[in-house]
PDB file of N, CA and C in Angstrom:
ATOM      1  N   MET A   1     -17.427  46.245  -2.634  1.00  0.00           N
ATOM      2  CA  MET A   1     -16.067  46.145  -2.019  1.00  0.00           C
ATOM      3  C   MET A   1     -16.799  44.526  -1.322  1.00  0.00           C
ATOM      4  N   LYS A   2     -17.817  44.821  -0.599  1.00  0.00           N
ATOM      5  CA  LYS A   2     -18.740  43.611   0.182  1.00  0.00           C
ATOM      6  C   LYS A   2     -18.131  42.269  -0.754  1.00  0.00           C
ATOM      7  N   HIS A   3     -18.660  42.598  -2.006  1.00  0.00           N
ATOM      8  CA  HIS A   3     -18.390  40.816  -2.628  1.00  0.00           C
ATOM      9  C   HIS A   3     -17.160  40.619  -2.664  1.00  0.00           C
ATOM     10  N   LEU A   4     -15.724  41.379  -2.997  1.00  0.00           N
ATOM     11  CA  LEU A   4     -14.498  40.817  -2.819  1.00  0.00           C
ATOM     12  C   LEU A   4     -14.146  40.481  -1.691  1.00  0.00           C
ATOM     13  N   LYS A   5     -14.824  40.949  -0.624  1.00  0.00           N
ATOM     14  CA  LYS A   5     -14.348  39.929   1.053  1.00  0.00           C
ATOM     15  C   LYS A   5     -14.336  39.097   1.092  1.00  0.00           C
ATOM     16  N   ILE A   6     -15.946  38.637   0.606  1.00  0.00           N
ATOM     17  CA  ILE A   6     -15.610  37.378   0.770  1.00  0.00           C
ATOM     18  C   ILE A   6     -15.586  36.251  -0.490  1.00  0.00           C
ATOM     19  N   VAL A   7     -14.908  37.383  -1.488  1.00  0.00           N
ATOM     20  CA  VAL A   7     -14.290  36.353  -2.745  1.00  0.00           C
ATOM     21  C   VAL A   7     -13.224  35.287  -1.878  1.00  0.00           C
ATOM     22  N   ALA A   8     -12.753  37.174  -1.060  1.00  0.00           N
ATOM     23  CA  ALA A   8     -11.010  36.275  -0.739  1.00  0.00           C
ATOM     24  C   ALA A   8     -11.197  35.344   0.001  1.00  0.00           C
ATOM     25  N   SER A   9     -12.153  36.073   1.294  1.00  0.00           N
ATOM     26  CA  SER A   9     -12.335  35.002   2.570  1.00  0.00           C
ATOM     27  C   SER A   9     -12.464  33.179   2.327  1.00  0.00           C
ATOM     28  N   LEU A  10     -13.273  33.169   1.370  1.00  0.00           N
ATOM     29  CA  LEU A  10     -13.687  32.150   0.752  1.00  0.00           C
ATOM     30  C   LEU A  10     -12.344  31.141  -0.213  1.00  0.00           C
ATOM     31  N   ILE A  11     -11.597  32.226  -0.711  1.00  0.00           N
ATOM     32  CA  ILE A  11     -10.299  31.631  -1.374  1.00  0.00           C
ATOM     33  C   ILE A  11      -9.554  31.071  -0.363  1.00  0.00           C
ATOM     34  N   ALA A  12      -9.472  31.854   0.502  1.00  0.00           N
ATOM     35  CA  ALA A  12      -7.974  31.706   2.094  1.00  0.00           C
ATOM     36  C   ALA A  12      -9.006  30.706   2.571  1.00  0.00           C
ATOM     37  N   PHE A  13     -10.138  30.715   2.819  1.00  0.00           N
ATOM     38  CA  PHE A  13     -10.564  29.217   3.297  1.00  0.00           C
ATOM     39  C   PHE A  13     -10.312  27.606   2.837  1.00  0.00           C
ATOM     40  N   PHE A  14     -10.564  28.204   1.382  1.00  0.00           N
ATOM     41  CA  PHE A  14     -10.232  26.501   0.554  1.00  0.00           C
ATOM     42  C   PHE A  14      -9.081  26.469   0.701  1.00  0.00           C
ATOM     43  N   PHE A  15      -8.121  27.156   0.636  1.00  0.00           N
ATOM     44  CA  PHE A  15      -6.636  26.968   0.543  1.00  0.00           C
ATOM     45  C   PHE A  15      -5.979  26.487   2.130  1.00  0.00           C
ATOM     46  N   CYS A  16      -6.683  27.228   3.105  1.00  0.00           N
ATOM     47  CA  CYS A  16      -5.987  26.586   4.233  1.00  0.00           C
ATOM     48  C   CYS A  16      -6.916  25.272   4.540  1.00  0.00           C
ATOM     49  N   ALA A  17      -7.770  25.023   4.333  1.00  0.00           N
ATOM     50  CA  ALA A  17      -8.629  23.557   3.905  1.00  0.00           C
ATOM     51  C   ALA A  17      -7.967  22.355   3.553  1.00  0.00           C
ATOM     52  N   ASN A  18      -7.291  22.665   2.315  1.00  0.00           N
ATOM     53  CA  ASN A  18      -6.230  22.364   1.203  1.00  0.00           C
ATOM     54  C   ASN A  18      -4.910  22.091   1.859  1.00  0.00           C
ATOM     55  N   GLN A  19      -4.813  23.189   2.269  1.00  0.00           N
ATOM     56  CA  GLN A  19      -3.239  22.884   3.591  1.00  0.00           C
ATOM     57  C   GLN A  19      -3.655  21.914   4.736  1.00  0.00           C
ATOM     58  N   MET A  20      -4.057  22.042   5.259  1.00  0.00           N
ATOM     59  CA  MET A  20      -4.935  20.879   6.345  1.00  0.00           C
ATOM     60  C   MET A  20      -4.684  19.449   5.864  1.00  0.00           C
ATOM     61  N   GLN A  21      -5.407  19.128   4.498  1.00  0.00           N
ATOM     62  CA  GLN A  21      -5.859  17.748   4.061  1.00  0.00           C
ATOM     63  C   GLN A  21      -4.430  17.454   4.192  1.00  0.00           C
ATOM     64  N   ALA A  22      -3.650  18.279   3.410  1.00  0.00           N
ATOM     65  CA  ALA A  22      -2.277  17.733   3.130  1.00  0.00           C
ATOM     66  C   ALA A  22      -1.547  16.901   4.233  1.00  0.00           C
ATOM     67  N   GLN A  23      -1.556  17.762   5.321  1.00  0.00           N
ATOM     68  CA  GLN A  23      -0.841  16.945   6.606  1.00  0.00           C
ATOM     69  C   GLN A  23      -1.584  15.674   7.259  1.00  0.00           C
ATOM     70  N   LEU A  24      -2.915  15.233   6.949  1.00  0.00           N
ATOM     71  CA  LEU A  24      -3.208  14.524   7.295  1.00  0.00           C
ATOM     72  C   LEU A  24      -2.668  12.812   7.217  1.00  0.00           C
ATOM     73  N   ILE A  25      -1.997  13.089   5.709  1.00  0.00           N
ATOM     74  CA  ILE A  25      -1.985  11.775   5.517  1.00  0.00           C
ATOM     75  C   ILE A  25      -0.197  11.820   5.267  1.00  0.00           C
ATOM     76  N   ILE A  26       0.548  10.590   6.085  1.00  0.00           N
ATOM     77  CA  ILE A  26       1.778  10.191   6.856  1.00  0.00           C
ATOM     78  C   ILE A  26       2.243   9.215   6.037  1.00  0.00           C
ATOM     79  N   THR A  27       3.383   9.358   5.686  1.00  0.00           N
ATOM     80  CA  THR A  27       4.457   8.170   4.948  1.00  0.00           C
ATOM     81  C   THR A  27       5.137   7.639   5.856  1.00  0.00           C
ATOM     82  N   GLU A  28       5.351   6.277   6.134  1.00  0.00           N
ATOM     83  CA  GLU A  28       6.212   5.583   6.960  1.00  0.00           C
ATOM     84  C   GLU A  28       6.720   4.726   6.387  1.00  0.00           C
ATOM     85  N   TYR A  29       7.489   3.654   6.736  1.00  0.00           N
ATOM     86  CA  TYR A  29       8.702   2.762   6.118  1.00  0.00           C
ATOM     87  C   TYR A  29       9.056   1.554   6.658  1.00  0.00           C
ATOM     88  N   ILE A  30       8.368   0.219   6.572  1.00  0.00           N
ATOM     89  CA  ILE A  30       8.239  -1.026   7.075  1.00  0.00           C
ATOM     90  C   ILE A  30       9.253  -1.795   6.920  1.00  0.00           C
ATOM     91  N   LYS A  31      10.311  -2.454   7.402  1.00  0.00           N
ATOM     92  CA  LYS A  31      11.206  -3.575   7.114  1.00  0.00           C
ATOM     93  C   LYS A  31      10.855  -4.887   7.274  1.00  0.00           C
ATOM     94  N   VAL A  32      10.668  -5.646   6.645  1.00  0.00           N
ATOM     95  CA  VAL A  32      10.854  -7.409   5.925  1.00  0.00           C
ATOM     96  C   VAL A  32      12.014  -7.816   5.905  1.00  0.00           C
ATOM     97  N   LYS A  33      11.994  -8.460   6.954  1.00  0.00           N
ATOM     98  CA  LYS A  33      13.417  -9.485   6.724  1.00  0.00           C
ATOM     99  C   LYS A  33      13.176 -10.931   6.062  1.00  0.00           C
ATOM    100  N   ASP A  34      13.616 -11.220   4.918  1.00  0.00           N
ATOM    101  CA  ASP A  34      13.722 -12.771   4.446  1.00  0.00           C
ATOM    102  C   ASP A  34      12.041 -12.669   3.667  1.00  0.00           C
ATOM    103  N   PHE A  35      12.093 -11.996   3.238  1.00  0.00           N
ATOM    104  CA  PHE A  35      10.275 -11.610   2.561  1.00  0.00           C
ATOM    105  C   PHE A  35      10.597 -12.015   1.308  1.00  0.00           C
ATOM    106  N   ASN A  36      10.662 -13.616   0.595  1.00  0.00           N
ATOM    107  CA  ASN A  36      10.389 -14.208  -0.415  1.00  0.00           C
ATOM    108  C   ASN A  36       9.459 -14.263  -1.363  1.00  0.00           C
ATOM    109  N   SER A  37       8.334 -14.090  -1.770  1.00  0.00           N
ATOM    110  CA  SER A  37       6.695 -14.395  -1.257  1.00  0.00           C
ATOM    111  C   SER A  37       6.609 -14.965  -3.381  1.00  0.00           C
ATOM    112  N   GLY A  38       7.647 -14.896  -3.945  1.00  0.00           N
ATOM    113  CA  GLY A  38       6.385 -15.117  -5.361  1.00  0.00           C
ATOM    114  C   GLY A  38       5.876 -14.685  -5.815  1.00  0.00           C
ATOM    115  N   LEU A  39       5.654 -13.721  -5.645  1.00  0.00           N
ATOM    116  CA  LEU A  39       4.218 -12.989  -5.638  1.00  0.00           C
ATOM    117  C   LEU A  39       4.626 -11.664  -6.720  1.00  0.00           C
ATOM    118  N   SER A  40       3.954 -10.883  -7.959  1.00  0.00           N
ATOM    119  CA  SER A  40       4.068 -10.266  -8.094  1.00  0.00           C
ATOM    120  C   SER A  40       4.477  -8.520  -7.286  1.00  0.00           C
ATOM    121  N   ARG A  41       4.935  -7.749  -8.181  1.00  0.00           N
ATOM    122  CA  ARG A  41       4.978  -6.376  -6.849  1.00  0.00           C
ATOM    123  C   ARG A  41       3.340  -5.937  -6.852  1.00  0.00           C
ATOM    124  N   GLN A  42       2.901  -5.847  -7.699  1.00  0.00           N
ATOM    125  CA  GLN A  42       1.404  -5.611  -7.548  1.00  0.00           C
ATOM    126  C   GLN A  42       0.555  -5.926  -6.955  1.00  0.00           C
ATOM    127  N   ALA A  43       0.788  -7.725  -6.561  1.00  0.00           N
ATOM    128  CA  ALA A  43      -0.118  -8.275  -5.554  1.00  0.00           C
ATOM    129  C   ALA A  43       0.135  -7.851  -4.505  1.00  0.00           C
ATOM    130  N   VAL A  44       1.815  -7.674  -3.946  1.00  0.00           N
ATOM    131  CA  VAL A  44       2.178  -7.711  -2.328  1.00  0.00           C
ATOM    132  C   VAL A  44       1.501  -6.132  -2.266  1.00  0.00           C
ATOM    133  N   GLU A  45       1.644  -5.637  -2.688  1.00  0.00           N
ATOM    134  CA  GLU A  45       1.089  -3.819  -2.576  1.00  0.00           C
ATOM    135  C   GLU A  45      -0.548  -3.774  -2.575  1.00  0.00           C
ATOM    136  N   ASP A  46      -0.908  -4.801  -3.068  1.00  0.00           N
ATOM    137  CA  ASP A  46      -2.887  -4.685  -3.072  1.00  0.00           C
ATOM    138  C   ASP A  46      -3.058  -5.466  -1.439  1.00  0.00           C
ATOM    139  N   ALA A  47      -2.131  -6.429  -1.327  1.00  0.00           N
ATOM    140  CA  ALA A  47      -2.062  -7.085  -0.294  1.00  0.00           C
ATOM    141  C   ALA A  47      -2.484  -6.686   1.089  1.00  0.00           C
ATOM    142  N   VAL A  48      -1.331  -4.752   1.438  1.00  0.00           N
ATOM    143  CA  VAL A  48      -1.591  -4.548   2.387  1.00  0.00           C
ATOM    144  C   VAL A  48      -2.299  -3.537   2.230  1.00  0.00           C
ATOM    145  N   TYR A  49      -3.228  -3.370   1.061  1.00  0.00           N
ATOM    146  CA  TYR A  49      -3.820  -1.660   0.830  1.00  0.00           C
ATOM    147  C   TYR A  49      -5.157  -2.092   2.313  1.00  0.00           C
ATOM    148  N   ALA A  50      -5.457  -1.200   2.830  1.00  0.00           N
ATOM    149  CA  ALA A  50      -6.519  -0.732   3.775  1.00  0.00           C
ATOM    150  C   ALA A  50      -7.679   0.137   3.648  1.00  0.00           C
ATOM    151  N   LYS A  51      -8.463   0.429   4.794  1.00  0.00           N
ATOM    152  CA  LYS A  51      -9.021   1.480   4.683  1.00  0.00           C
ATOM    153  C   LYS A  51      -8.631   2.836   4.646  1.00  0.00           C
ATOM    154  N   GLY A  52      -8.252   3.632   4.169  1.00  0.00           N
ATOM    155  CA  GLY A  52      -7.603   5.285   4.828  1.00  0.00           C
ATOM    156  C   GLY A  52      -5.412   5.172   4.087  1.00  0.00           C
ATOM    157  N   VAL A  53      -5.250   3.641   3.235  1.00  0.00           N
ATOM    158  CA  VAL A  53      -4.212   4.058   2.775  1.00  0.00           C
ATOM    159  C   VAL A  53      -4.274   4.380   1.876  1.00  0.00           C
ATOM    160  N   LYS A  54      -3.729   5.640   1.147  1.00  0.00           N
ATOM    161  CA  LYS A  54      -3.168   5.885   0.233  1.00  0.00           C
ATOM    162  C   LYS A  54      -2.285   5.602  -0.714  1.00  0.00           C
ATOM    163  N   ASP A  55      -0.650   4.995  -0.616  1.00  0.00           N
ATOM    164  CA  ASP A  55      -0.558   4.429  -1.452  1.00  0.00           C
ATOM    165  C   ASP A  55       0.614   3.577  -1.175  1.00  0.00           C
ATOM    166  N   VAL A  56       1.258   2.011  -1.153  1.00  0.00           N
ATOM    167  CA  VAL A  56       1.963   1.160  -0.451  1.00  0.00           C
ATOM    168  C   VAL A  56       2.778   1.125  -2.291  1.00  0.00           C
ATOM    169  N   LYS A  57       4.633   1.192  -1.611  1.00  0.00           N
ATOM    170  CA  LYS A  57       5.008   0.647  -2.810  1.00  0.00           C
ATOM    171  C   LYS A  57       5.998  -0.560  -2.123  1.00  0.00           C
ATOM    172  N   TRP A  58       6.407  -1.328  -2.627  1.00  0.00           N
ATOM    173  CA  TRP A  58       7.579  -2.393  -2.308  1.00  0.00           C
ATOM    174  C   TRP A  58       8.172  -2.586  -2.927  1.00  0.00           C
ATOM    175  N   ASP A  59       9.471  -2.343  -1.927  1.00  0.00           N
ATOM    176  CA  ASP A  59      11.029  -2.167  -2.899  1.00  0.00           C
ATOM    177  C   ASP A  59      11.435  -3.677  -2.378  1.00  0.00           C
ATOM    178  N   GLU A  60      11.532  -4.792  -3.871  1.00  0.00           N
ATOM    179  CA  GLU A  60      12.049  -5.782  -3.071  1.00  0.00           C
ATOM    180  C   GLU A  60      14.051  -6.228  -2.926  1.00  0.00           C
ATOM    181  N   ASP A  61      14.674  -5.599  -3.253  1.00  0.00           N
ATOM    182  CA  ASP A  61      15.366  -5.535  -3.340  1.00  0.00           C
ATOM    183  C   ASP A  61      15.972  -4.297  -2.255  1.00  0.00           C
ATOM    184  N   THR A  62      15.234  -3.136  -0.927  1.00  0.00           N
ATOM    185  CA  THR A  62      15.946  -3.365  -0.043  1.00  0.00           C
ATOM    186  C   THR A  62      14.883  -4.029   1.765  1.00  0.00           C
ATOM    187  N   GLN A  63      14.218  -4.869   0.945  1.00  0.00           N
ATOM    188  CA  GLN A  63      13.034  -5.899   1.369  1.00  0.00           C
ATOM    189  C   GLN A  63      12.193  -4.163   1.852  1.00  0.00           C
ATOM    190  N   MET A  64      11.637  -3.340   1.370  1.00  0.00           N
ATOM    191  CA  MET A  64      10.911  -2.322   2.330  1.00  0.00           C
ATOM    192  C   MET A  64      10.188  -1.865   1.884  1.00  0.00           C
ATOM    193  N   PHE A  65       8.820  -1.837   2.373  1.00  0.00           N
ATOM    194  CA  PHE A  65       7.482  -1.122   1.830  1.00  0.00           C
ATOM    195  C   PHE A  65       7.388   0.162   2.400  1.00  0.00           C
ATOM    196  N   THR A  66       7.408   1.013   1.718  1.00  0.00           N
ATOM    197  CA  THR A  66       6.250   2.984   1.697  1.00  0.00           C
ATOM    198  C   THR A  66       4.931   3.402   1.888  1.00  0.00           C
ATOM    199  N   VAL A  67       4.529   3.028   2.795  1.00  0.00           N
ATOM    200  CA  VAL A  67       3.020   3.373   3.173  1.00  0.00           C
ATOM    201  C   VAL A  67       2.891   4.463   3.779  1.00  0.00           C
ATOM    202  N   SER A  68       2.035   5.657   2.414  1.00  0.00           N
ATOM    203  CA  SER A  68       1.150   6.350   3.063  1.00  0.00           C
ATOM    204  C   SER A  68      -0.224   6.445   3.350  1.00  0.00           C
ATOM    205  N   TYR A  69      -0.195   6.781   4.497  1.00  0.00           N
ATOM    206  CA  TYR A  69      -2.000   6.746   4.534  1.00  0.00           C
ATOM    207  C   TYR A  69      -2.013   7.749   5.931  1.00  0.00           C
ATOM    208  N   GLU A  70      -4.293   8.367   5.962  1.00  0.00           N
ATOM    209  CA  GLU A  70      -5.212   8.978   6.524  1.00  0.00           C
ATOM    210  C   GLU A  70      -4.599   8.308   8.003  1.00  0.00           C
ATOM    211  N   TRP A  71      -3.881   9.483   8.836  1.00  0.00           N
ATOM    212  CA  TRP A  71      -4.376   9.554  10.226  1.00  0.00           C
ATOM    213  C   TRP A  71      -5.559   8.398  10.837  1.00  0.00           C
ATOM    214  N   ARG A  72      -5.923  10.019  10.422  1.00  0.00           N
ATOM    215  CA  ARG A  72      -7.108   9.309  10.996  1.00  0.00           C
ATOM    216  C   ARG A  72      -8.220   8.245  10.471  1.00  0.00           C
ATOM    217  N   LYS A  73      -7.538   7.677   9.682  1.00  0.00           N
ATOM    218  CA  LYS A  73      -8.547   6.727   9.042  1.00  0.00           C
ATOM    219  C   LYS A  73      -7.925   5.280   9.240  1.00  0.00           C
ATOM    220  N   THR A  74      -7.088   4.595   9.654  1.00  0.00           N
ATOM    221  CA  THR A  74      -6.197   4.055  10.070  1.00  0.00           C
ATOM    222  C   THR A  74      -4.978   4.014  10.655  1.00  0.00           C
ATOM    223  N   THR A  75      -4.774   3.369  11.549  1.00  0.00           N
ATOM    224  CA  THR A  75      -3.361   3.517  12.206  1.00  0.00           C
ATOM    225  C   THR A  75      -2.102   2.685  11.664  1.00  0.00           C
ATOM    226  N   MET A  76      -1.067   2.954  12.392  1.00  0.00           N
ATOM    227  CA  MET A  76       0.404   2.240  11.606  1.00  0.00           C
ATOM    228  C   MET A  76       0.210   0.918  11.834  1.00  0.00           C
ATOM    229  N   GLY A  77      -0.825   0.365  13.547  1.00  0.00           N
ATOM    230  CA  GLY A  77      -0.330  -0.920  13.541  1.00  0.00           C
ATOM    231  C   GLY A  77      -1.758  -1.841  13.071  1.00  0.00           C
ATOM    232  N   ASP A  78      -2.223  -0.908  12.978  1.00  0.00           N
ATOM    233  CA  ASP A  78      -3.404  -2.127  11.196  1.00  0.00           C
ATOM    234  C   ASP A  78      -2.449  -1.868   9.898  1.00  0.00           C
ATOM    235  N   ILE A  79      -2.245  -0.940   9.467  1.00  0.00           N
ATOM    236  CA  ILE A  79      -0.758  -1.679   8.392  1.00  0.00           C
ATOM    237  C   ILE A  79      -0.240  -2.464   8.763  1.00  0.00           C
ATOM    238  N   ARG A  80       0.729  -3.163   9.876  1.00  0.00           N
ATOM    239  CA  ARG A  80       1.778  -3.479  10.775  1.00  0.00           C
ATOM    240  C   ARG A  80       0.809  -4.962  10.272  1.00  0.00           C
ATOM    241  N   GLU A  81       0.065  -5.258  10.985  1.00  0.00           N
ATOM    242  CA  GLU A  81      -1.325  -6.453  11.035  1.00  0.00           C
ATOM    243  C   GLU A  81      -1.091  -7.228   9.151  1.00  0.00           C
ATOM    244  N   LYS A  82      -1.735  -6.111   9.176  1.00  0.00           N
ATOM    245  CA  LYS A  82      -1.259  -6.794   7.394  1.00  0.00           C
ATOM    246  C   LYS A  82      -0.512  -6.981   6.670  1.00  0.00           C
ATOM    247  N   VAL A  83       0.750  -6.393   6.961  1.00  0.00           N
ATOM    248  CA  VAL A  83       1.883  -6.947   6.272  1.00  0.00           C
ATOM    249  C   VAL A  83       2.387  -8.264   7.129  1.00  0.00           C
ATOM    250  N   ASP A  84       2.257  -7.751   7.915  1.00  0.00           N
ATOM    251  CA  ASP A  84       2.502  -9.139   8.742  1.00  0.00           C
ATOM    252  C   ASP A  84       1.580 -10.310   9.007  1.00  0.00           C
ATOM    253  N   ASN A  85       0.656 -10.463   8.518  1.00  0.00           N
ATOM    254  CA  ASN A  85      -0.215 -11.572   8.171  1.00  0.00           C
ATOM    255  C   ASN A  85       0.266 -11.945   6.609  1.00  0.00           C
ATOM    256  N   LEU A  86       0.378 -11.090   5.535  1.00  0.00           N
ATOM    257  CA  LEU A  86       1.164 -10.770   4.098  1.00  0.00           C
ATOM    258  C   LEU A  86       2.401 -12.563   4.487  1.00  0.00           C
ATOM    259  N   VAL A  87       2.981 -11.341   5.446  1.00  0.00           N
ATOM    260  CA  VAL A  87       4.583 -12.789   5.219  1.00  0.00           C
ATOM    261  C   VAL A  87       3.897 -13.405   6.430  1.00  0.00           C
ATOM    262  N   SER A  88       3.559 -13.451   7.269  1.00  0.00           N
ATOM    263  CA  SER A  88       3.153 -15.442   7.429  1.00  0.00           C
ATOM    264  C   SER A  88       2.456 -15.824   6.917  1.00  0.00           C
ATOM    265  N   SER A  89       1.173 -15.572   5.982  1.00  0.00           N
ATOM    266  CA  SER A  89       0.674 -16.740   5.189  1.00  0.00           C
ATOM    267  C   SER A  89       1.816 -17.395   3.942  1.00  0.00           C
ATOM    268  N   MET A  90       2.825 -15.807   3.371  1.00  0.00           N
ATOM    269  CA  MET A  90       3.287 -17.109   2.227  1.00  0.00           C
ATOM    270  C   MET A  90       4.741 -17.504   3.178  1.00  0.00           C
ATOM    271  N   SER A  91       4.795 -17.811   4.506  1.00  0.00           N
ATOM    272  CA  SER A  91       5.877 -18.410   4.907  1.00  0.00           C
ATOM    273  C   SER A  91       4.965 -19.782   5.443  1.00  0.00           C
ATOM    274  N   ARG A  92       3.905 -19.837   5.613  1.00  0.00           N
ATOM    275  CA  ARG A  92       3.506 -21.106   5.165  1.00  0.00           C
ATOM    276  C   ARG A  92       2.888 -21.229   4.401  1.00  0.00           C
ATOM    277  N   LEU A  93       2.725 -21.106   3.394  1.00  0.00           N
ATOM    278  CA  LEU A  93       3.119 -21.301   1.971  1.00  0.00           C
ATOM    279  C   LEU A  93       4.406 -21.942   1.469  1.00  0.00           C
ATOM    280  N   GLU A  94       5.121 -21.825   1.698  1.00  0.00           N
ATOM    281  CA  GLU A  94       6.823 -22.362   1.383  1.00  0.00           C
ATOM    282  C   GLU A  94       6.968 -23.235   2.360  1.00  0.00           C
ATOM    283  N   ASN A  95       6.457 -23.599   4.009  1.00  0.00           N
ATOM    284  CA  ASN A  95       6.247 -24.770   4.335  1.00  0.00           C
ATOM    285  C   ASN A  95       6.063 -25.914   3.466  1.00  0.00           C
ATOM    286  N   HIS A  96       4.302 -24.978   2.512  1.00  0.00           N
ATOM    287  CA  HIS A  96       4.112 -26.793   2.029  1.00  0.00           C
ATOM    288  C   HIS A  96       4.323 -25.955   0.305  1.00  0.00           C
ATOM    289  N   PRO A  97       5.208 -27.563   0.143  1.00  0.00           N
ATOM    290  CA  PRO A  97       5.730 -27.176  -1.197  1.00  0.00           C
ATOM    291  C   PRO A  97       4.616 -27.322  -2.498  1.00  0.00           C
ATOM    292  N   GLU A  98       4.016 -27.717  -2.540  1.00  0.00           N
ATOM    293  CA  GLU A  98       3.196 -28.119  -3.472  1.00  0.00           C
ATOM    294  C   GLU A  98       1.878 -26.928  -3.642  1.00  0.00           C
ATOM    295  N   SER A  99       1.703 -26.484  -2.374  1.00  0.00           N
ATOM    296  CA  SER A  99       0.793 -25.313  -2.818  1.00  0.00           C
ATOM    297  C   SER A  99       1.591 -23.981  -3.599  1.00  0.00           C
ATOM    298  N   PHE A 100       3.070 -23.962  -3.343  1.00  0.00           N
ATOM    299  CA  PHE A 100       3.874 -22.755  -3.425  1.00  0.00           C
ATOM    300  C   PHE A 100       3.924 -23.033  -4.431  1.00  0.00           C
ATOM    301  N   GLU A 101       4.703 -24.097  -5.124  1.00  0.00           N
ATOM    302  CA  GLU A 101       4.458 -24.309  -6.521  1.00  0.00           C
ATOM    303  C   GLU A 101       3.002 -23.797  -7.033  1.00  0.00           C
ATOM    304  N   ARG A 102       1.966 -25.236  -6.966  1.00  0.00           N
ATOM    305  CA  ARG A 102       0.811 -24.448  -7.761  1.00  0.00           C
ATOM    306  C   ARG A 102       1.086 -22.830  -7.617  1.00  0.00           C
ATOM    307  N   MET A 103       0.933 -21.722  -6.715  1.00  0.00           N
ATOM    308  CA  MET A 103       0.801 -20.426  -6.943  1.00  0.00           C
ATOM    309  C   MET A 103       1.806 -19.895  -8.170  1.00  0.00           C
ATOM    310  N   GLN A 104       3.373 -19.972  -7.938  1.00  0.00           N
ATOM    311  CA  GLN A 104       3.931 -19.955  -8.577  1.00  0.00           C
ATOM    312  C   GLN A 104       3.833 -20.774  -9.976  1.00  0.00           C
ATOM    313  N   GLU A 105       3.053 -21.414 -10.475  1.00  0.00           N
ATOM    314  CA  GLU A 105       2.712 -21.763 -11.904  1.00  0.00           C
ATOM    315  C   GLU A 105       1.256 -20.863 -12.258  1.00  0.00           C
ATOM    316  N   ARG A 106       0.644 -20.473 -11.612  1.00  0.00           N
ATOM    317  CA  ARG A 106      -0.505 -20.009 -11.829  1.00  0.00           C
ATOM    318  C   ARG A 106       0.332 -18.553 -12.493  1.00  0.00           C
ATOM    319  N   LYS A 107       1.372 -18.221 -11.286  1.00  0.00           N
ATOM    320  CA  LYS A 107       1.686 -17.114 -11.911  1.00  0.00           C
ATOM    321  C   LYS A 107       2.577 -16.301 -12.929  1.00  0.00           C
ATOM    322  N   ARG A 108       3.064 -17.796 -13.668  1.00  0.00           N
ATOM    323  CA  ARG A 108       3.506 -17.844 -15.141  1.00  0.00           C
ATOM    324  C   ARG A 108       2.718 -18.332 -15.977  1.00  0.00           C
ATOM    325  N   ALA A 109       1.476 -19.087 -15.940  1.00  0.00           N
ATOM    326  CA  ALA A 109       0.527 -19.035 -16.651  1.00  0.00           C
ATOM    327  C   ALA A 109      -0.133 -17.624 -16.935  1.00  0.00           C
ATOM    328  N   ALA A 110      -0.036 -16.670 -15.833  1.00  0.00           N
ATOM    329  CA  ALA A 110      -0.826 -15.174 -15.913  1.00  0.00           C
ATOM    330  C   ALA A 110       0.107 -14.867 -16.613  1.00  0.00           C
ATOM    331  N   LYS A 111       0.992 -14.329 -16.442  1.00  0.00           N
ATOM    332  CA  LYS A 111       2.277 -13.781 -17.524  1.00  0.00           C
ATOM    333  C   LYS A 111       2.402 -14.142 -18.888  1.00  0.00           C
ATOM    334  N   ILE A 112       3.139 -15.584 -19.463  1.00  0.00           N
ATOM    335  CA  ILE A 112       2.122 -15.633 -20.125  1.00  0.00           C
ATOM    336  C   ILE A 112       1.189 -15.867 -20.885  1.00  0.00           C
ATOM    337  N   GLU A 113       0.022 -15.584 -20.406  1.00  0.00           N
ATOM    338  CA  GLU A 113      -1.667 -15.302 -20.964  1.00  0.00           C
ATOM    339  C   GLU A 113      -1.341 -13.507 -21.556  1.00  0.00           C
ATOM    340  N   THR A 114      -0.864 -12.819 -20.271  1.00  0.00           N
ATOM    341  CA  THR A 114      -0.600 -11.423 -20.218  1.00  0.00           C
ATOM    342  C   THR A 114       0.060 -10.960 -21.663  1.00  0.00           C
ATOM    343  N   ALA A 115       1.303 -11.470 -21.665  1.00  0.00           N
ATOM    344  CA  ALA A 115       2.463 -11.349 -22.052  1.00  0.00           C
ATOM    345  C   ALA A 115       1.384 -11.790 -24.470  1.00  0.00           C
ATOM    346  N   SER A 116       0.739 -13.303 -24.264  1.00  0.00           N
ATOM    347  CA  SER A 116       0.346 -12.905 -25.946  1.00  0.00           C
ATOM    348  C   SER A 116      -1.477 -12.936 -26.484  1.00  0.00           C
ATOM    349  N   LYS A 117      -1.567 -11.225 -25.370  1.00  0.00           N
ATOM    350  CA  LYS A 117      -2.280 -10.498 -25.500  1.00  0.00           C
ATOM    351  C   LYS A 117      -1.906  -9.093 -26.640  1.00  0.00           C
TER     352      LYS A 117
END
């Protein structure tokens, strides 16, 4: 009987700990205006990843990031800073057409190389 109580207590503890872990992850949305990077969706999402970020989804149609993160490891401010850095670096590239064009050519070459494999 004593062993049964110990096992039941351990199961209850692990269940509660698992529930607490699920509550530590927050999902928020970031709207970005007039962002046309020319990068693949995966490249845009990778640019926003940081420590504590669990998932990033970029929807080009709505111009919105969906970010899930652990609130104890990072803050929304840190994630917004990553998004702002991405947007500003892409706008700098657009202001220098030769750099932007080179980036587009590399993207097209990567697509052709991937398609031929």
